Amino acid sequence: MFISNAYAEAAAPVQGAGIMDFLPLIALVAVFYFLILRPQGKRAKEQKAMVEALQRGDEVVTAGGEVGRISKVYELYVGVELAENVEVTVQRSAIQTVLPKGTIKTIK
């Protein structure tokens, strides 16, 4: 009797979301692309070109850390001579770096 009923107010009409609402999300995606995706793709492309250009006599470092000279080249594998009469066969993708000629002599 003494308390009046409290009714909810009618909802305000929803306005369309503008481009300004999505600008931070667009900026975040752009930063993610330029700082992470693009450099990673560039490195992958350089690694693929290096692996395809492997040839007999190249001095390499494998992913396991072995340093050796390529003695045989196959389609998917390469033979790496680690020492005299010690040769291992590794996948081409396991070659991490091609060293400049003469590096093995300076290491030993």
N, C-alpha and C. Protein backbone atom coordinates (compact mmCIF):
# COMPACT_ATOMS: atom_id res chain seq x y z
N MET A 1 0.80 -1.19 0.00
CA MET A 1 0.00 0.00 0.00
C MET A 1 0.86 1.26 0.00
N PHE A 2 1.82 1.30 0.90
CA PHE A 2 2.64 2.51 0.97
C PHE A 2 3.83 2.46 0.02
N ILE A 3 4.18 1.24 -0.48
CA ILE A 3 5.34 1.10 -1.36
C ILE A 3 4.84 0.94 -2.79
N SER A 4 5.40 1.77 -3.67
CA SER A 4 4.98 1.68 -5.06
C SER A 4 5.84 0.64 -5.79
N ASN A 5 5.32 0.08 -6.83
CA ASN A 5 6.05 -0.90 -7.61
C ASN A 5 7.18 -0.22 -8.39
N ALA A 6 8.34 -0.92 -8.47
CA ALA A 6 9.47 -0.39 -9.22
C ALA A 6 9.57 -1.16 -10.52
N TYR A 7 9.43 -0.48 -11.61
CA TYR A 7 9.50 -1.10 -12.93
C TYR A 7 10.84 -0.72 -13.59
N ALA A 8 11.38 -1.65 -14.38
CA ALA A 8 12.63 -1.38 -15.10
C ALA A 8 12.36 -0.40 -16.23
N GLU A 9 13.35 0.41 -16.50
CA GLU A 9 13.20 1.36 -17.58
C GLU A 9 13.35 0.63 -18.91
N ALA A 10 12.78 1.17 -19.91
CA ALA A 10 12.90 0.59 -21.25
C ALA A 10 14.34 0.68 -21.71
N ALA A 11 14.82 -0.37 -22.39
CA ALA A 11 16.19 -0.40 -22.86
C ALA A 11 16.41 0.65 -23.95
N ALA A 12 17.58 1.25 -23.92
CA ALA A 12 17.92 2.25 -24.92
C ALA A 12 18.17 1.54 -26.25
N PRO A 13 17.83 2.15 -27.34
CA PRO A 13 18.06 1.50 -28.64
C PRO A 13 19.57 1.30 -28.86
N VAL A 14 19.93 0.11 -29.37
CA VAL A 14 21.33 -0.23 -29.61
C VAL A 14 21.78 0.41 -30.91
N GLN A 15 22.89 1.14 -30.83
CA GLN A 15 23.42 1.78 -32.02
C GLN A 15 24.43 0.84 -32.67
N GLY A 16 24.63 0.96 -33.94
CA GLY A 16 25.57 0.11 -34.67
C GLY A 16 27.00 0.36 -34.18
N ALA A 17 27.78 -0.72 -34.10
CA ALA A 17 29.16 -0.60 -33.66
C ALA A 17 29.98 0.04 -34.78
N GLY A 18 30.73 1.02 -34.45
CA GLY A 18 31.55 1.72 -35.44
C GLY A 18 32.91 1.05 -35.58
N ILE A 19 33.66 1.52 -36.56
CA ILE A 19 35.00 0.98 -36.81
C ILE A 19 35.91 1.28 -35.63
N MET A 20 35.65 2.33 -34.88
CA MET A 20 36.48 2.69 -33.74
C MET A 20 36.43 1.62 -32.65
N ASP A 21 35.36 0.87 -32.57
CA ASP A 21 35.26 -0.19 -31.58
C ASP A 21 36.19 -1.36 -31.93
N PHE A 22 36.46 -1.56 -33.21
CA PHE A 22 37.30 -2.68 -33.65
C PHE A 22 38.75 -2.27 -33.92
N LEU A 23 39.05 -0.99 -33.82
CA LEU A 23 40.39 -0.50 -34.12
C LEU A 23 41.47 -1.14 -33.23
N PRO A 24 41.27 -1.28 -31.92
CA PRO A 24 42.30 -1.94 -31.11
C PRO A 24 42.54 -3.40 -31.53
N LEU A 25 41.50 -4.11 -31.89
CA LEU A 25 41.64 -5.50 -32.33
C LEU A 25 42.40 -5.57 -33.65
N ILE A 26 42.10 -4.67 -34.56
CA ILE A 26 42.80 -4.63 -35.85
C ILE A 26 44.28 -4.30 -35.64
N ALA A 27 44.57 -3.37 -34.74
CA ALA A 27 45.96 -3.00 -34.44
C ALA A 27 46.70 -4.19 -33.82
N LEU A 28 46.05 -4.93 -32.95
CA LEU A 28 46.67 -6.10 -32.31
C LEU A 28 47.00 -7.17 -33.35
N VAL A 29 46.11 -7.41 -34.28
CA VAL A 29 46.35 -8.39 -35.33
C VAL A 29 47.52 -7.94 -36.22
N ALA A 30 47.58 -6.66 -36.54
CA ALA A 30 48.67 -6.15 -37.36
C ALA A 30 50.02 -6.29 -36.66
N VAL A 31 50.07 -5.98 -35.38
CA VAL A 31 51.31 -6.13 -34.62
C VAL A 31 51.71 -7.59 -34.55
N PHE A 32 50.78 -8.47 -34.30
CA PHE A 32 51.04 -9.91 -34.26
C PHE A 32 51.62 -10.38 -35.58
N TYR A 33 51.06 -9.92 -36.68
CA TYR A 33 51.54 -10.33 -38.01
C TYR A 33 52.97 -9.86 -38.24
N PHE A 34 53.25 -8.58 -37.99
CA PHE A 34 54.56 -8.03 -38.31
C PHE A 34 55.65 -8.46 -37.34
N LEU A 35 55.31 -8.80 -36.11
CA LEU A 35 56.33 -9.19 -35.14
C LEU A 35 56.54 -10.70 -35.04
N ILE A 36 55.55 -11.49 -35.41
CA ILE A 36 55.66 -12.94 -35.23
C ILE A 36 55.54 -13.70 -36.54
N LEU A 37 54.45 -13.57 -37.24
CA LEU A 37 54.18 -14.40 -38.41
C LEU A 37 55.11 -14.10 -39.59
N ARG A 38 55.32 -12.85 -39.90
CA ARG A 38 56.13 -12.49 -41.06
C ARG A 38 57.60 -12.90 -40.89
N PRO A 39 58.26 -12.60 -39.76
CA PRO A 39 59.65 -13.05 -39.60
C PRO A 39 59.79 -14.57 -39.58
N GLN A 40 58.82 -15.26 -38.99
CA GLN A 40 58.87 -16.72 -38.94
C GLN A 40 58.77 -17.30 -40.35
N GLY A 41 57.91 -16.76 -41.18
CA GLY A 41 57.79 -17.21 -42.56
C GLY A 41 59.06 -16.94 -43.36
N LYS A 42 59.69 -15.79 -43.10
CA LYS A 42 60.92 -15.45 -43.79
C LYS A 42 62.04 -16.42 -43.41
N ARG A 43 62.15 -16.74 -42.11
CA ARG A 43 63.16 -17.70 -41.66
C ARG A 43 62.92 -19.07 -42.25
N ALA A 44 61.67 -19.51 -42.32
CA ALA A 44 61.35 -20.82 -42.90
C ALA A 44 61.72 -20.87 -44.38
N LYS A 45 61.49 -19.79 -45.09
CA LYS A 45 61.84 -19.74 -46.51
C LYS A 45 63.35 -19.80 -46.70
N GLU A 46 64.11 -19.08 -45.87
CA GLU A 46 65.57 -19.11 -45.95
C GLU A 46 66.12 -20.50 -45.62
N GLN A 47 65.55 -21.16 -44.61
CA GLN A 47 65.98 -22.51 -44.22
C GLN A 47 65.72 -23.49 -45.35
N LYS A 48 64.56 -23.38 -45.99
CA LYS A 48 64.22 -24.29 -47.08
C LYS A 48 65.19 -24.10 -48.25
N ALA A 49 65.51 -22.85 -48.58
CA ALA A 49 66.45 -22.58 -49.67
C ALA A 49 67.84 -23.12 -49.34
N MET A 50 68.26 -22.99 -48.08
CA MET A 50 69.56 -23.49 -47.66
C MET A 50 69.62 -25.01 -47.76
N VAL A 51 68.56 -25.69 -47.33
CA VAL A 51 68.53 -27.16 -47.37
C VAL A 51 68.51 -27.66 -48.81
N GLU A 52 67.81 -26.97 -49.69
CA GLU A 52 67.76 -27.39 -51.09
C GLU A 52 69.09 -27.17 -51.80
N ALA A 53 69.90 -26.22 -51.33
CA ALA A 53 71.17 -25.90 -51.98
C ALA A 53 72.35 -26.71 -51.45
N LEU A 54 72.11 -27.65 -50.54
CA LEU A 54 73.20 -28.45 -49.99
C LEU A 54 73.89 -29.25 -51.09
N GLN A 55 75.22 -29.30 -51.02
CA GLN A 55 75.98 -30.07 -52.00
C GLN A 55 77.18 -30.71 -51.32
N ARG A 56 77.77 -31.64 -52.02
CA ARG A 56 78.91 -32.38 -51.50
C ARG A 56 80.06 -31.42 -51.20
N GLY A 57 80.67 -31.57 -50.03
CA GLY A 57 81.79 -30.72 -49.65
C GLY A 57 81.41 -29.58 -48.72
N ASP A 58 80.13 -29.30 -48.57
CA ASP A 58 79.71 -28.24 -47.65
C ASP A 58 79.99 -28.65 -46.22
N GLU A 59 80.42 -27.71 -45.40
CA GLU A 59 80.63 -27.95 -43.98
C GLU A 59 79.38 -27.48 -43.26
N VAL A 60 78.82 -28.37 -42.42
CA VAL A 60 77.52 -28.09 -41.82
C VAL A 60 77.51 -28.39 -40.33
N VAL A 61 76.51 -27.84 -39.66
CA VAL A 61 76.19 -28.18 -38.28
C VAL A 61 74.79 -28.78 -38.29
N THR A 62 74.64 -29.96 -37.68
CA THR A 62 73.32 -30.60 -37.63
C THR A 62 72.53 -30.08 -36.44
N ALA A 63 71.27 -30.44 -36.38
CA ALA A 63 70.42 -30.02 -35.27
C ALA A 63 70.91 -30.62 -33.95
N GLY A 64 71.61 -31.74 -34.01
CA GLY A 64 72.16 -32.36 -32.81
C GLY A 64 73.47 -31.76 -32.37
N GLY A 65 74.04 -30.84 -33.16
CA GLY A 65 75.26 -30.17 -32.79
C GLY A 65 76.52 -30.75 -33.41
N GLU A 66 76.40 -31.79 -34.22
CA GLU A 66 77.58 -32.37 -34.85
C GLU A 66 78.06 -31.47 -35.99
N VAL A 67 79.37 -31.32 -36.09
CA VAL A 67 79.98 -30.54 -37.15
C VAL A 67 80.65 -31.51 -38.11
N GLY A 68 80.36 -31.39 -39.39
CA GLY A 68 80.96 -32.30 -40.35
C GLY A 68 80.87 -31.77 -41.76
N ARG A 69 81.36 -32.60 -42.68
CA ARG A 69 81.38 -32.24 -44.10
C ARG A 69 80.45 -33.19 -44.84
N ILE A 70 79.64 -32.67 -45.73
CA ILE A 70 78.72 -33.50 -46.50
C ILE A 70 79.51 -34.33 -47.50
N SER A 71 79.31 -35.66 -47.44
CA SER A 71 80.04 -36.55 -48.35
C SER A 71 79.12 -37.15 -49.40
N LYS A 72 77.84 -37.30 -49.09
CA LYS A 72 76.88 -37.85 -50.05
C LYS A 72 75.58 -37.06 -49.95
N VAL A 73 74.94 -36.87 -51.08
CA VAL A 73 73.68 -36.13 -51.10
C VAL A 73 72.62 -37.02 -51.74
N TYR A 74 71.55 -37.28 -51.00
CA TYR A 74 70.42 -38.05 -51.50
C TYR A 74 69.22 -37.10 -51.61
N GLU A 75 68.09 -37.64 -52.01
CA GLU A 75 66.90 -36.81 -52.17
C GLU A 75 66.42 -36.23 -50.84
N LEU A 76 66.28 -37.10 -49.82
CA LEU A 76 65.78 -36.65 -48.52
C LEU A 76 66.84 -36.67 -47.43
N TYR A 77 67.98 -37.27 -47.70
CA TYR A 77 69.02 -37.44 -46.69
C TYR A 77 70.36 -36.95 -47.22
N VAL A 78 71.30 -36.72 -46.30
CA VAL A 78 72.68 -36.41 -46.67
C VAL A 78 73.60 -37.23 -45.78
N GLY A 79 74.72 -37.63 -46.34
CA GLY A 79 75.74 -38.30 -45.55
C GLY A 79 76.72 -37.25 -45.05
N VAL A 80 76.92 -37.21 -43.73
CA VAL A 80 77.80 -36.22 -43.12
C VAL A 80 79.00 -36.96 -42.53
N GLU A 81 80.18 -36.58 -42.99
CA GLU A 81 81.41 -37.18 -42.47
C GLU A 81 81.86 -36.36 -41.26
N LEU A 82 81.79 -37.00 -40.08
CA LEU A 82 82.15 -36.31 -38.85
C LEU A 82 83.65 -36.36 -38.59
N ALA A 83 84.28 -37.48 -38.96
CA ALA A 83 85.73 -37.66 -38.85
C ALA A 83 86.12 -38.63 -39.95
N GLU A 84 87.41 -38.94 -40.05
CA GLU A 84 87.84 -39.89 -41.06
C GLU A 84 87.18 -41.24 -40.81
N ASN A 85 86.56 -41.79 -41.83
CA ASN A 85 85.88 -43.08 -41.78
C ASN A 85 84.71 -43.12 -40.80
N VAL A 86 84.18 -41.98 -40.39
CA VAL A 86 82.99 -41.90 -39.54
C VAL A 86 81.96 -41.07 -40.28
N GLU A 87 80.94 -41.75 -40.77
CA GLU A 87 79.91 -41.05 -41.54
C GLU A 87 78.54 -41.40 -40.98
N VAL A 88 77.70 -40.39 -40.86
CA VAL A 88 76.32 -40.59 -40.43
C VAL A 88 75.40 -40.08 -41.52
N THR A 89 74.22 -40.66 -41.58
CA THR A 89 73.21 -40.22 -42.53
C THR A 89 72.13 -39.50 -41.75
N VAL A 90 71.85 -38.27 -42.14
CA VAL A 90 70.83 -37.46 -41.46
C VAL A 90 69.84 -36.92 -42.49
N GLN A 91 68.68 -36.56 -42.01
CA GLN A 91 67.70 -35.93 -42.90
C GLN A 91 68.19 -34.55 -43.29
N ARG A 92 67.82 -34.13 -44.47
CA ARG A 92 68.21 -32.78 -44.92
C ARG A 92 67.70 -31.71 -43.96
N SER A 93 66.51 -31.92 -43.44
CA SER A 93 65.93 -30.91 -42.55
C SER A 93 66.66 -30.82 -41.22
N ALA A 94 67.52 -31.81 -40.90
CA ALA A 94 68.29 -31.78 -39.66
C ALA A 94 69.54 -30.92 -39.79
N ILE A 95 69.84 -30.44 -40.98
CA ILE A 95 70.97 -29.54 -41.16
C ILE A 95 70.54 -28.16 -40.72
N GLN A 96 71.24 -27.64 -39.72
CA GLN A 96 70.84 -26.36 -39.14
C GLN A 96 71.55 -25.18 -39.79
N THR A 97 72.85 -25.34 -40.04
CA THR A 97 73.64 -24.22 -40.56
C THR A 97 74.69 -24.74 -41.53
N VAL A 98 74.95 -23.98 -42.58
CA VAL A 98 76.07 -24.26 -43.47
C VAL A 98 77.19 -23.31 -43.05
N LEU A 99 78.35 -23.89 -42.75
CA LEU A 99 79.49 -23.11 -42.29
C LEU A 99 80.34 -22.66 -43.48
N PRO A 100 81.12 -21.60 -43.31
CA PRO A 100 82.06 -21.20 -44.37
C PRO A 100 83.13 -22.28 -44.56
N LYS A 101 83.66 -22.38 -45.77
CA LYS A 101 84.69 -23.37 -46.08
C LYS A 101 85.90 -23.15 -45.17
N GLY A 102 86.47 -24.26 -44.67
CA GLY A 102 87.65 -24.18 -43.81
C GLY A 102 87.36 -24.04 -42.34
N THR A 103 86.11 -23.99 -41.95
CA THR A 103 85.75 -23.82 -40.55
C THR A 103 86.16 -25.03 -39.72
N ILE A 104 86.00 -26.22 -40.27
CA ILE A 104 86.31 -27.45 -39.51
C ILE A 104 87.80 -27.47 -39.15
N LYS A 105 88.65 -27.04 -40.05
CA LYS A 105 90.10 -27.03 -39.77
C LYS A 105 90.44 -26.08 -38.64
N THR A 106 89.75 -24.97 -38.56
CA THR A 106 90.04 -23.99 -37.49
C THR A 106 89.51 -24.47 -36.14
N ILE A 107 88.47 -25.30 -36.14
CA ILE A 107 87.90 -25.81 -34.89
C ILE A 107 88.81 -26.85 -34.27
N LYS A 108 89.36 -27.75 -35.08
CA LYS A 108 90.13 -28.89 -34.56
C LYS A 108 91.50 -28.49 -34.12
